[in-house]
Amino acid sequence: AERKRGITIQSAAISFKWGWNCSYHDDIMNVDVNLVDTPGHVDFSVEVNRSVAVLDGAVLVVDAVAGVQAQTETVWRTMTARQANVKQVSGNAQSRKQEPLACLAFVNKMDK
């Protein structure tokens, strides 16, 4: 059903190493990247909320051919909102606010 409709219905994750030239160290730094694909459809917004709670940064990919979809702005607000982190302190869960995610919007398929 997911492929047939062309939408993501559940989150998927992959990890890989990314090597980049770091001018501070004059060598290649290896960074662990955990890529999480979350659904953008309104019916699956709970998946987005769960994923955002554990991320350090996010990229919103917008299809230039299809344009901005109904849920795009809601997903962007979720990504950029301050997230409540729950921290365990001596058996008690304490909620604390943190800064919004580092976010980037990427427009894909602009060559079509």
PDB file of N, CA and C in Angstrom:
ATOM      1  N   ALA A   1       0.832  -1.197   0.000  1.00  0.00           N
ATOM      2  CA  ALA A   1       0.000   0.000   0.000  1.00  0.00           C
ATOM      3  C   ALA A   1       0.868   1.250   0.000  1.00  0.00           C
ATOM      4  N   GLU A   2       1.997   1.188   0.723  1.00  0.00           N
ATOM      5  CA  GLU A   2       2.884   2.346   0.818  1.00  0.00           C
ATOM      6  C   GLU A   2       3.443   2.723  -0.553  1.00  0.00           C
ATOM      7  N   ARG A   3       3.944   1.753  -1.286  1.00  0.00           N
ATOM      8  CA  ARG A   3       4.508   2.025  -2.616  1.00  0.00           C
ATOM      9  C   ARG A   3       3.426   2.437  -3.602  1.00  0.00           C
ATOM     10  N   LYS A   4       2.295   1.781  -3.520  1.00  0.00           N
ATOM     11  CA  LYS A   4       1.200   2.059  -4.448  1.00  0.00           C
ATOM     12  C   LYS A   4       0.719   3.499  -4.328  1.00  0.00           C
ATOM     13  N   ARG A   5       0.611   4.003  -3.096  1.00  0.00           N
ATOM     14  CA  ARG A   5       0.155   5.376  -2.862  1.00  0.00           C
ATOM     15  C   ARG A   5       1.285   6.388  -2.915  1.00  0.00           C
ATOM     16  N   GLY A   6       2.542   5.905  -2.871  1.00  0.00           N
ATOM     17  CA  GLY A   6       3.689   6.810  -2.937  1.00  0.00           C
ATOM     18  C   GLY A   6       3.913   7.593  -1.663  1.00  0.00           C
ATOM     19  N   ILE A   7       3.508   7.036  -0.517  1.00  0.00           N
ATOM     20  CA  ILE A   7       3.699   7.725   0.760  1.00  0.00           C
ATOM     21  C   ILE A   7       4.408   6.801   1.742  1.00  0.00           C
ATOM     22  N   THR A   8       4.984   7.385   2.769  1.00  0.00           N
ATOM     23  CA  THR A   8       5.589   6.629   3.850  1.00  0.00           C
ATOM     24  C   THR A   8       4.549   6.490   4.951  1.00  0.00           C
ATOM     25  N   ILE A   9       4.357   5.257   5.471  1.00  0.00           N
ATOM     26  CA  ILE A   9       3.346   5.075   6.511  1.00  0.00           C
ATOM     27  C   ILE A   9       3.945   4.721   7.867  1.00  0.00           C
ATOM     28  N   GLN A  10       5.246   4.464   7.899  1.00  0.00           N
ATOM     29  CA  GLN A  10       5.903   4.245   9.190  1.00  0.00           C
ATOM     30  C   GLN A  10       7.340   4.726   9.092  1.00  0.00           C
ATOM     31  N   SER A  11       7.922   5.039  10.223  1.00  0.00           N
ATOM     32  CA  SER A  11       9.289   5.524  10.244  1.00  0.00           C
ATOM     33  C   SER A  11      10.255   4.398   9.916  1.00  0.00           C
ATOM     34  N   ALA A  12      11.318   4.765   9.216  1.00  0.00           N
ATOM     35  CA  ALA A  12      12.378   3.814   8.896  1.00  0.00           C
ATOM     36  C   ALA A  12      13.699   4.499   9.210  1.00  0.00           C
ATOM     37  N   ALA A  13      14.705   3.719   9.594  1.00  0.00           N
ATOM     38  CA  ALA A  13      15.990   4.314   9.975  1.00  0.00           C
ATOM     39  C   ALA A  13      17.140   3.525   9.364  1.00  0.00           C
ATOM     40  N   ILE A  14      18.229   4.247   9.090  1.00  0.00           N
ATOM     41  CA  ILE A  14      19.464   3.641   8.612  1.00  0.00           C
ATOM     42  C   ILE A  14      20.621   4.440   9.216  1.00  0.00           C
ATOM     43  N   SER A  15      21.719   3.765   9.508  1.00  0.00           N
ATOM     44  CA  SER A  15      22.911   4.424  10.058  1.00  0.00           C
ATOM     45  C   SER A  15      24.062   4.257   9.091  1.00  0.00           C
ATOM     46  N   PHE A  16      24.902   5.302   9.003  1.00  0.00           N
ATOM     47  CA  PHE A  16      26.089   5.227   8.169  1.00  0.00           C
ATOM     48  C   PHE A  16      27.137   6.211   8.678  1.00  0.00           C
ATOM     49  N   LYS A  17      28.369   5.986   8.274  1.00  0.00           N
ATOM     50  CA  LYS A  17      29.461   6.897   8.635  1.00  0.00           C
ATOM     51  C   LYS A  17      29.635   7.903   7.508  1.00  0.00           C
ATOM     52  N   TRP A  18      29.885   9.147   7.892  1.00  0.00           N
ATOM     53  CA  TRP A  18      30.088  10.208   6.919  1.00  0.00           C
ATOM     54  C   TRP A  18      31.439  10.844   7.211  1.00  0.00           C
ATOM     55  N   GLY A  19      32.334  10.804   6.251  1.00  0.00           N
ATOM     56  CA  GLY A  19      33.649  11.419   6.409  1.00  0.00           C
ATOM     57  C   GLY A  19      33.657  12.805   5.791  1.00  0.00           C
ATOM     58  N   TRP A  20      34.148  13.768   6.528  1.00  0.00           N
ATOM     59  CA  TRP A  20      34.224  15.135   6.007  1.00  0.00           C
ATOM     60  C   TRP A  20      35.518  15.778   6.439  1.00  0.00           C
ATOM     61  N   ASN A  21      35.976  16.705   5.644  1.00  0.00           N
ATOM     62  CA  ASN A  21      37.215  17.415   5.908  1.00  0.00           C
ATOM     63  C   ASN A  21      36.982  18.470   6.971  1.00  0.00           C
ATOM     64  N   CYS A  22      37.680  18.357   8.066  1.00  0.00           N
ATOM     65  CA  CYS A  22      37.526  19.308   9.157  1.00  0.00           C
ATOM     66  C   CYS A  22      38.731  20.244   9.158  1.00  0.00           C
ATOM     67  N   SER A  23      38.507  21.512   8.915  1.00  0.00           N
ATOM     68  CA  SER A  23      39.617  22.467   8.829  1.00  0.00           C
ATOM     69  C   SER A  23      40.307  22.684  10.175  1.00  0.00           C
ATOM     70  N   TYR A  24      39.609  22.375  11.274  1.00  0.00           N
ATOM     71  CA  TYR A  24      40.208  22.547  12.596  1.00  0.00           C
ATOM     72  C   TYR A  24      41.251  21.478  12.908  1.00  0.00           C
ATOM     73  N   HIS A  25      41.073  20.291  12.330  1.00  0.00           N
ATOM     74  CA  HIS A  25      41.952  19.172  12.647  1.00  0.00           C
ATOM     75  C   HIS A  25      42.845  18.775  11.485  1.00  0.00           C
ATOM     76  N   ASP A  26      42.675  19.381  10.320  1.00  0.00           N
ATOM     77  CA  ASP A  26      43.445  19.068   9.118  1.00  0.00           C
ATOM     78  C   ASP A  26      43.409  17.587   8.765  1.00  0.00           C
ATOM     79  N   ASP A  27      42.307  16.933   9.014  1.00  0.00           N
ATOM     80  CA  ASP A  27      42.150  15.546   8.606  1.00  0.00           C
ATOM     81  C   ASP A  27      40.661  15.258   8.403  1.00  0.00           C
ATOM     82  N   ILE A  28      40.366  14.044   8.034  1.00  0.00           N
ATOM     83  CA  ILE A  28      38.978  13.658   7.788  1.00  0.00           C
ATOM     84  C   ILE A  28      38.355  13.168   9.090  1.00  0.00           C
ATOM     85  N   MET A  29      37.235  13.754   9.443  1.00  0.00           N
ATOM     86  CA  MET A  29      36.487  13.361  10.636  1.00  0.00           C
ATOM     87  C   MET A  29      35.378  12.402  10.203  1.00  0.00           C
ATOM     88  N   ASN A  30      35.208  11.322  10.933  1.00  0.00           N
ATOM     89  CA  ASN A  30      34.108  10.399  10.672  1.00  0.00           C
ATOM     90  C   ASN A  30      32.978  10.681  11.640  1.00  0.00           C
ATOM     91  N   VAL A  31      31.806  10.915  11.097  1.00  0.00           N
ATOM     92  CA  VAL A  31      30.629  11.229  11.890  1.00  0.00           C
ATOM     93  C   VAL A  31      29.607  10.117  11.681  1.00  0.00           C
ATOM     94  N   ASP A  32      28.992   9.662  12.753  1.00  0.00           N
ATOM     95  CA  ASP A  32      27.901   8.685  12.645  1.00  0.00           C
ATOM     96  C   ASP A  32      26.610   9.428  12.348  1.00  0.00           C
ATOM     97  N   VAL A  33      25.963   9.070  11.245  1.00  0.00           N
ATOM     98  CA  VAL A  33      24.697   9.686  10.855  1.00  0.00           C
ATOM     99  C   VAL A  33      23.605   8.631  10.971  1.00  0.00           C
ATOM    100  N   ASN A  34      22.537   8.985  11.661  1.00  0.00           N
ATOM    101  CA  ASN A  34      21.351   8.129  11.764  1.00  0.00           C
ATOM    102  C   ASN A  34      20.236   8.822  10.995  1.00  0.00           C
ATOM    103  N   LEU A  35      19.898   8.287   9.849  1.00  0.00           N
ATOM    104  CA  LEU A  35      18.892   8.877   8.978  1.00  0.00           C
ATOM    105  C   LEU A  35      17.546   8.239   9.272  1.00  0.00           C
ATOM    106  N   VAL A  36      16.555   9.078   9.585  1.00  0.00           N
ATOM    107  CA  VAL A  36      15.211   8.591   9.914  1.00  0.00           C
ATOM    108  C   VAL A  36      14.237   9.181   8.910  1.00  0.00           C
ATOM    109  N   ASP A  37      13.515   8.318   8.219  1.00  0.00           N
ATOM    110  CA  ASP A  37      12.476   8.743   7.278  1.00  0.00           C
ATOM    111  C   ASP A  37      11.142   8.608   7.980  1.00  0.00           C
ATOM    112  N   THR A  38      10.451   9.723   8.146  1.00  0.00           N
ATOM    113  CA  THR A  38       9.150   9.693   8.820  1.00  0.00           C
ATOM    114  C   THR A  38       8.053  10.036   7.823  1.00  0.00           C
ATOM    115  N   PRO A  39       6.842   9.576   8.084  1.00  0.00           N
ATOM    116  CA  PRO A  39       5.726   9.897   7.189  1.00  0.00           C
ATOM    117  C   PRO A  39       5.376  11.376   7.262  1.00  0.00           C
ATOM    118  N   GLY A  40       4.959  11.928   6.143  1.00  0.00           N
ATOM    119  CA  GLY A  40       4.523  13.315   6.123  1.00  0.00           C
ATOM    120  C   GLY A  40       3.013  13.438   6.050  1.00  0.00           C
ATOM    121  N   HIS A  41       2.332  12.333   5.850  1.00  0.00           N
ATOM    122  CA  HIS A  41       0.877  12.347   5.712  1.00  0.00           C
ATOM    123  C   HIS A  41       0.221  12.585   7.072  1.00  0.00           C
ATOM    124  N   VAL A  42      -0.865  13.333   7.084  1.00  0.00           N
ATOM    125  CA  VAL A  42      -1.540  13.721   8.318  1.00  0.00           C
ATOM    126  C   VAL A  42      -1.981  12.513   9.156  1.00  0.00           C
ATOM    127  N   ASP A  43      -2.315  11.420   8.516  1.00  0.00           N
ATOM    128  CA  ASP A  43      -2.768  10.236   9.247  1.00  0.00           C
ATOM    129  C   ASP A  43      -1.671   9.618  10.110  1.00  0.00           C
ATOM    130  N   PHE A  44      -0.420   9.988   9.848  1.00  0.00           N
ATOM    131  CA  PHE A  44       0.696   9.373  10.555  1.00  0.00           C
ATOM    132  C   PHE A  44       1.534  10.396  11.324  1.00  0.00           C
ATOM    133  N   SER A  45       0.921  11.479  11.757  1.00  0.00           N
ATOM    134  CA  SER A  45       1.656  12.548  12.445  1.00  0.00           C
ATOM    135  C   SER A  45       2.229  12.096  13.787  1.00  0.00           C
ATOM    136  N   VAL A  46       1.667  11.066  14.401  1.00  0.00           N
ATOM    137  CA  VAL A  46       2.204  10.547  15.660  1.00  0.00           C
ATOM    138  C   VAL A  46       3.624  10.015  15.437  1.00  0.00           C
ATOM    139  N   GLU A  47       3.862   9.395  14.286  1.00  0.00           N
ATOM    140  CA  GLU A  47       5.204   8.897  13.946  1.00  0.00           C
ATOM    141  C   GLU A  47       6.208  10.047  13.904  1.00  0.00           C
ATOM    142  N   VAL A  48       5.816  11.174  13.323  1.00  0.00           N
ATOM    143  CA  VAL A  48       6.694  12.344  13.241  1.00  0.00           C
ATOM    144  C   VAL A  48       7.001  12.851  14.646  1.00  0.00           C
ATOM    145  N   ASN A  49       5.988  12.990  15.489  1.00  0.00           N
ATOM    146  CA  ASN A  49       6.183  13.493  16.848  1.00  0.00           C
ATOM    147  C   ASN A  49       7.120  12.602  17.655  1.00  0.00           C
ATOM    148  N   ARG A  50       6.966  11.297  17.523  1.00  0.00           N
ATOM    149  CA  ARG A  50       7.854  10.361  18.231  1.00  0.00           C
ATOM    150  C   ARG A  50       9.294  10.506  17.766  1.00  0.00           C
ATOM    151  N   SER A  51       9.473  10.628  16.477  1.00  0.00           N
ATOM    152  CA  SER A  51      10.828  10.706  15.921  1.00  0.00           C
ATOM    153  C   SER A  51      11.520  12.011  16.288  1.00  0.00           C
ATOM    154  N   VAL A  52      10.796  13.113  16.217  1.00  0.00           N
ATOM    155  CA  VAL A  52      11.378  14.425  16.510  1.00  0.00           C
ATOM    156  C   VAL A  52      11.906  14.490  17.942  1.00  0.00           C
ATOM    157  N   ALA A  53      11.288  13.755  18.836  1.00  0.00           N
ATOM    158  CA  ALA A  53      11.687  13.785  20.246  1.00  0.00           C
ATOM    159  C   ALA A  53      13.112  13.270  20.473  1.00  0.00           C
ATOM    160  N   VAL A  54      13.666  12.502  19.553  1.00  0.00           N
ATOM    161  CA  VAL A  54      14.989  11.915  19.761  1.00  0.00           C
ATOM    162  C   VAL A  54      16.039  12.406  18.764  1.00  0.00           C
ATOM    163  N   LEU A  55      15.715  13.376  17.936  1.00  0.00           N
ATOM    164  CA  LEU A  55      16.637  13.839  16.892  1.00  0.00           C
ATOM    165  C   LEU A  55      17.501  15.011  17.349  1.00  0.00           C
ATOM    166  N   ASP A  56      18.661  15.155  16.681  1.00  0.00           N
ATOM    167  CA  ASP A  56      19.532  16.311  16.892  1.00  0.00           C
ATOM    168  C   ASP A  56      19.343  17.354  15.796  1.00  0.00           C
ATOM    169  N   GLY A  57      18.784  16.960  14.677  1.00  0.00           N
ATOM    170  CA  GLY A  57      18.559  17.855  13.554  1.00  0.00           C
ATOM    171  C   GLY A  57      17.587  17.206  12.592  1.00  0.00           C
ATOM    172  N   ALA A  58      17.016  18.003  11.683  1.00  0.00           N
ATOM    173  CA  ALA A  58      16.025  17.457  10.762  1.00  0.00           C
ATOM    174  C   ALA A  58      16.078  18.181   9.428  1.00  0.00           C
ATOM    175  N   VAL A  59      15.740  17.445   8.367  1.00  0.00           N
ATOM    176  CA  VAL A  59      15.627  17.995   7.021  1.00  0.00           C
ATOM    177  C   VAL A  59      14.218  17.708   6.525  1.00  0.00           C
ATOM    178  N   LEU A  60      13.519  18.746   6.131  1.00  0.00           N
ATOM    179  CA  LEU A  60      12.189  18.598   5.544  1.00  0.00           C
ATOM    180  C   LEU A  60      12.364  18.601   4.033  1.00  0.00           C
ATOM    181  N   VAL A  61      12.003  17.512   3.374  1.00  0.00           N
ATOM    182  CA  VAL A  61      12.135  17.406   1.920  1.00  0.00           C
ATOM    183  C   VAL A  61      10.784  17.686   1.290  1.00  0.00           C
ATOM    184  N   VAL A  62      10.757  18.687   0.398  1.00  0.00           N
ATOM    185  CA  VAL A  62       9.532  19.067  -0.291  1.00  0.00           C
ATOM    186  C   VAL A  62       9.710  18.753  -1.773  1.00  0.00           C
ATOM    187  N   ASP A  63       8.734  18.093  -2.361  1.00  0.00           N
ATOM    188  CA  ASP A  63       8.746  17.746  -3.776  1.00  0.00           C
ATOM    189  C   ASP A  63       8.318  18.967  -4.585  1.00  0.00           C
ATOM    190  N   ALA A  64       9.207  19.482  -5.451  1.00  0.00           N
ATOM    191  CA  ALA A  64       8.894  20.677  -6.229  1.00  0.00           C
ATOM    192  C   ALA A  64       7.784  20.425  -7.243  1.00  0.00           C
ATOM    193  N   VAL A  65       7.662  19.201  -7.722  1.00  0.00           N
ATOM    194  CA  VAL A  65       6.630  18.876  -8.702  1.00  0.00           C
ATOM    195  C   VAL A  65       5.263  18.848  -8.029  1.00  0.00           C
ATOM    196  N   ALA A  66       5.151  18.147  -6.911  1.00  0.00           N
ATOM    197  CA  ALA A  66       3.875  18.038  -6.198  1.00  0.00           C
ATOM    198  C   ALA A  66       3.565  19.299  -5.394  1.00  0.00           C
ATOM    199  N   GLY A  67       4.601  20.030  -5.013  1.00  0.00           N
ATOM    200  CA  GLY A  67       4.412  21.244  -4.231  1.00  0.00           C
ATOM    201  C   GLY A  67       4.229  20.964  -2.749  1.00  0.00           C
ATOM    202  N   VAL A  68       3.953  22.011  -2.016  1.00  0.00           N
ATOM    203  CA  VAL A  68       3.740  21.894  -0.579  1.00  0.00           C
ATOM    204  C   VAL A  68       2.423  21.171  -0.351  1.00  0.00           C
ATOM    205  N   GLN A  69       2.454  20.130   0.460  1.00  0.00           N
ATOM    206  CA  GLN A  69       1.263  19.335   0.747  1.00  0.00           C
ATOM    207  C   GLN A  69       0.569  19.884   1.998  1.00  0.00           C
ATOM    208  N   ALA A  70      -0.613  19.384   2.260  1.00  0.00           N
ATOM    209  CA  ALA A  70      -1.436  19.878   3.371  1.00  0.00           C
ATOM    210  C   ALA A  70      -0.724  19.786   4.715  1.00  0.00           C
ATOM    211  N   GLN A  71       0.072  18.763   4.931  1.00  0.00           N
ATOM    212  CA  GLN A  71       0.698  18.520   6.234  1.00  0.00           C
ATOM    213  C   GLN A  71       2.082  19.157   6.358  1.00  0.00           C
ATOM    214  N   THR A  72       2.616  19.726   5.278  1.00  0.00           N
ATOM    215  CA  THR A  72       3.985  20.232   5.287  1.00  0.00           C
ATOM    216  C   THR A  72       4.223  21.273   6.374  1.00  0.00           C
ATOM    217  N   GLU A  73       3.338  22.239   6.503  1.00  0.00           N
ATOM    218  CA  GLU A  73       3.515  23.288   7.511  1.00  0.00           C
ATOM    219  C   GLU A  73       3.423  22.732   8.927  1.00  0.00           C
ATOM    220  N   THR A  74       2.538  21.773   9.144  1.00  0.00           N
ATOM    221  CA  THR A  74       2.406  21.155  10.465  1.00  0.00           C
ATOM    222  C   THR A  74       3.676  20.398  10.836  1.00  0.00           C
ATOM    223  N   VAL A  75       4.235  19.664   9.880  1.00  0.00           N
ATOM    224  CA  VAL A  75       5.483  18.938  10.134  1.00  0.00           C
ATOM    225  C   VAL A  75       6.605  19.931  10.432  1.00  0.00           C
ATOM    226  N   TRP A  76       6.673  21.043   9.681  1.00  0.00           N
ATOM    227  CA  TRP A  76       7.711  22.055   9.924  1.00  0.00           C
ATOM    228  C   TRP A  76       7.557  22.644  11.331  1.00  0.00           C
ATOM    229  N   ARG A  77       6.323  22.947  11.748  1.00  0.00           N
ATOM    230  CA  ARG A  77       6.105  23.482  13.096  1.00  0.00           C
ATOM    231  C   ARG A  77       6.531  22.475  14.154  1.00  0.00           C
ATOM    232  N   THR A  78       6.252  21.203  13.924  1.00  0.00           N
ATOM    233  CA  THR A  78       6.659  20.162  14.867  1.00  0.00           C
ATOM    234  C   THR A  78       8.174  20.103  14.965  1.00  0.00           C
ATOM    235  N   MET A  79       8.854  20.197  13.830  1.00  0.00           N
ATOM    236  CA  MET A  79      10.311  20.129  13.809  1.00  0.00           C
ATOM    237  C   MET A  79      10.955  21.316  14.519  1.00  0.00           C
ATOM    238  N   THR A  80      10.387  22.496  14.360  1.00  0.00           N
ATOM    239  CA  THR A  80      11.016  23.706  14.885  1.00  0.00           C
ATOM    240  C   THR A  80      10.522  24.106  16.269  1.00  0.00           C
ATOM    241  N   ALA A  81       9.520  23.421  16.795  1.00  0.00           N
ATOM    242  CA  ALA A  81       9.007  23.740  18.134  1.00  0.00           C
ATOM    243  C   ALA A  81       9.992  23.273  19.198  1.00  0.00           C
ATOM    244  N   ARG A  82       9.976  23.944  20.322  1.00  0.00           N
ATOM    245  CA  ARG A  82      10.796  23.473  21.446  1.00  0.00           C
ATOM    246  C   ARG A  82      10.247  22.138  21.905  1.00  0.00           C
ATOM    247  N   GLN A  83      11.126  21.176  22.086  1.00  0.00           N
ATOM    248  CA  GLN A  83      10.718  19.828  22.450  1.00  0.00           C
ATOM    249  C   GLN A  83      10.880  19.613  23.949  1.00  0.00           C
ATOM    250  N   ALA A  84       9.926  18.941  24.544  1.00  0.00           N
ATOM    251  CA  ALA A  84      10.037  18.581  25.960  1.00  0.00           C
ATOM    252  C   ALA A  84      10.789  17.266  26.044  1.00  0.00           C
ATOM    253  N   ASN A  85      11.907  17.276  26.700  1.00  0.00           N
ATOM    254  CA  ASN A  85      12.690  16.059  26.932  1.00  0.00           C
ATOM    255  C   ASN A  85      12.369  15.548  28.319  1.00  0.00           C
ATOM    256  N   VAL A  86      12.223  14.262  28.430  1.00  0.00           N
ATOM    257  CA  VAL A  86      11.990  13.677  29.749  1.00  0.00           C
ATOM    258  C   VAL A  86      13.300  13.068  30.219  1.00  0.00           C
ATOM    259  N   LYS A  87      13.734  13.486  31.384  1.00  0.00           N
ATOM    260  CA  LYS A  87      15.015  13.052  31.937  1.00  0.00           C
ATOM    261  C   LYS A  87      14.750  12.321  33.250  1.00  0.00           C
ATOM    262  N   GLN A  88      15.337  11.146  33.402  1.00  0.00           N
ATOM    263  CA  GLN A  88      15.178  10.388  34.640  1.00  0.00           C
ATOM    264  C   GLN A  88      16.151  10.913  35.694  1.00  0.00           C
ATOM    265  N   VAL A  89      15.632  11.333  36.815  1.00  0.00           N
ATOM    266  CA  VAL A  89      16.464  11.791  37.925  1.00  0.00           C
ATOM    267  C   VAL A  89      16.009  11.051  39.169  1.00  0.00           C
ATOM    268  N   SER A  90      16.865  10.214  39.704  1.00  0.00           N
ATOM    269  CA  SER A  90      16.583   9.375  40.883  1.00  0.00           C
ATOM    270  C   SER A  90      15.181   8.773  40.879  1.00  0.00           C
ATOM    271  N   GLY A  91      14.844   8.119  39.763  1.00  0.00           N
ATOM    272  CA  GLY A  91      13.577   7.415  39.689  1.00  0.00           C
ATOM    273  C   GLY A  91      12.382   8.272  39.300  1.00  0.00           C
ATOM    274  N   ASN A  92      12.527   9.585  39.298  1.00  0.00           N
ATOM    275  CA  ASN A  92      11.428  10.474  38.933  1.00  0.00           C
ATOM    276  C   ASN A  92      11.670  11.049  37.538  1.00  0.00           C
ATOM    277  N   ALA A  93      10.630  11.038  36.731  1.00  0.00           N
ATOM    278  CA  ALA A  93      10.738  11.637  35.402  1.00  0.00           C
ATOM    279  C   ALA A  93      10.562  13.150  35.518  1.00  0.00           C
ATOM    280  N   GLN A  94      11.530  13.884  35.013  1.00  0.00           N
ATOM    281  CA  GLN A  94      11.440  15.344  35.025  1.00  0.00           C
ATOM    282  C   GLN A  94      11.448  15.840  33.592  1.00  0.00           C
ATOM    283  N   SER A  95      10.560  16.741  33.258  1.00  0.00           N
ATOM    284  CA  SER A  95      10.495  17.298  31.917  1.00  0.00           C
ATOM    285  C   SER A  95      11.294  18.593  31.885  1.00  0.00           C
ATOM    286  N   ARG A  96      12.070  18.766  30.831  1.00  0.00           N
ATOM    287  CA  ARG A  96      12.806  20.015  30.665  1.00  0.00           C
ATOM    288  C   ARG A  96      12.719  20.444  29.217  1.00  0.00           C
ATOM    289  N   LYS A  97      12.701  21.729  28.984  1.00  0.00           N
ATOM    290  CA  LYS A  97      12.632  22.256  27.625  1.00  0.00           C
ATOM    291  C   LYS A  97      14.031  22.324  27.041  1.00  0.00           C
ATOM    292  N   GLN A  98      14.116  22.195  25.721  1.00  0.00           N
ATOM    293  CA  GLN A  98      15.392  22.351  25.057  1.00  0.00           C
ATOM    294  C   GLN A  98      15.188  23.209  23.823  1.00  0.00           C
ATOM    295  N   GLU A  99      16.270  23.568  23.196  1.00  0.00           N
ATOM    296  CA  GLU A  99      16.195  24.402  22.005  1.00  0.00           C
ATOM    297  C   GLU A  99      15.540  23.629  20.859  1.00  0.00           C
ATOM    298  N   PRO A 100      14.972  24.346  19.889  1.00  0.00           N
ATOM    299  CA  PRO A 100      14.401  23.673  18.727  1.00  0.00           C
ATOM    300  C   PRO A 100      15.489  22.912  17.953  1.00  0.00           C
ATOM    301  N   LEU A 101      15.079  21.961  17.152  1.00  0.00           N
ATOM    302  CA  LEU A 101      16.016  21.224  16.315  1.00  0.00           C
ATOM    303  C   LEU A 101      16.670  22.147  15.298  1.00  0.00           C
ATOM    304  N   ALA A 102      17.879  21.802  14.909  1.00  0.00           N
ATOM    305  CA  ALA A 102      18.492  22.453  13.758  1.00  0.00           C
ATOM    306  C   ALA A 102      17.754  21.901  12.542  1.00  0.00           C
ATOM    307  N   CYS A 103      17.118  22.763  11.757  1.00  0.00           N
ATOM    308  CA  CYS A 103      16.268  22.310  10.659  1.00  0.00           C
ATOM    309  C   CYS A 103      16.689  22.911   9.328  1.00  0.00           C
ATOM    310  N   LEU A 104      16.441  22.152   8.284  1.00  0.00           N
ATOM    311  CA  LEU A 104      16.748  22.572   6.922  1.00  0.00           C
ATOM    312  C   LEU A 104      15.593  22.134   6.038  1.00  0.00           C
ATOM    313  N   ALA A 105      15.135  23.005   5.145  1.00  0.00           N
ATOM    314  CA  ALA A 105      14.123  22.629   4.158  1.00  0.00           C
ATOM    315  C   ALA A 105      14.843  22.421   2.830  1.00  0.00           C
ATOM    316  N   PHE A 106      14.596  21.278   2.195  1.00  0.00           N
ATOM    317  CA  PHE A 106      15.235  20.923   0.937  1.00  0.00           C
ATOM    318  C   PHE A 106      14.159  20.709  -0.101  1.00  0.00           C
ATOM    319  N   VAL A 107      14.247  21.440  -1.214  1.00  0.00           N
ATOM    320  CA  VAL A 107      13.267  21.294  -2.298  1.00  0.00           C
ATOM    321  C   VAL A 107      13.877  20.370  -3.338  1.00  0.00           C
ATOM    322  N   ASN A 108      13.228  19.237  -3.563  1.00  0.00           N
ATOM    323  CA  ASN A 108      13.708  18.179  -4.435  1.00  0.00           C
ATOM    324  C   ASN A 108      12.977  18.234  -5.785  1.00  0.00           C
ATOM    325  N   LYS A 109      13.585  17.697  -6.819  1.00  0.00           N
ATOM    326  CA  LYS A 109      12.988  17.565  -8.176  1.00  0.00           C
ATOM    327  C   LYS A 109      12.731  18.908  -8.837  1.00  0.00           C
ATOM    328  N   MET A 110      13.582  19.893  -8.601  1.00  0.00           N
ATOM    329  CA  MET A 110      13.395  21.204  -9.223  1.00  0.00           C
ATOM    330  C   MET A 110      13.776  21.194 -10.706  1.00  0.00           C
ATOM    331  N   ASP A 111      14.435  20.131 -11.163  1.00  0.00           N
ATOM    332  CA  ASP A 111      14.859  20.052 -12.550  1.00  0.00           C
ATOM    333  C   ASP A 111      13.780  19.494 -13.478  1.00  0.00           C
ATOM    334  N   LYS A 112      12.628  19.177 -12.943  1.00  0.00           N
ATOM    335  CA  LYS A 112      11.562  18.595 -13.784  1.00  0.00           C
ATOM    336  C   LYS A 112      10.607  19.645 -14.254  1.00  0.00           C
TER     337      LYS A 112
END
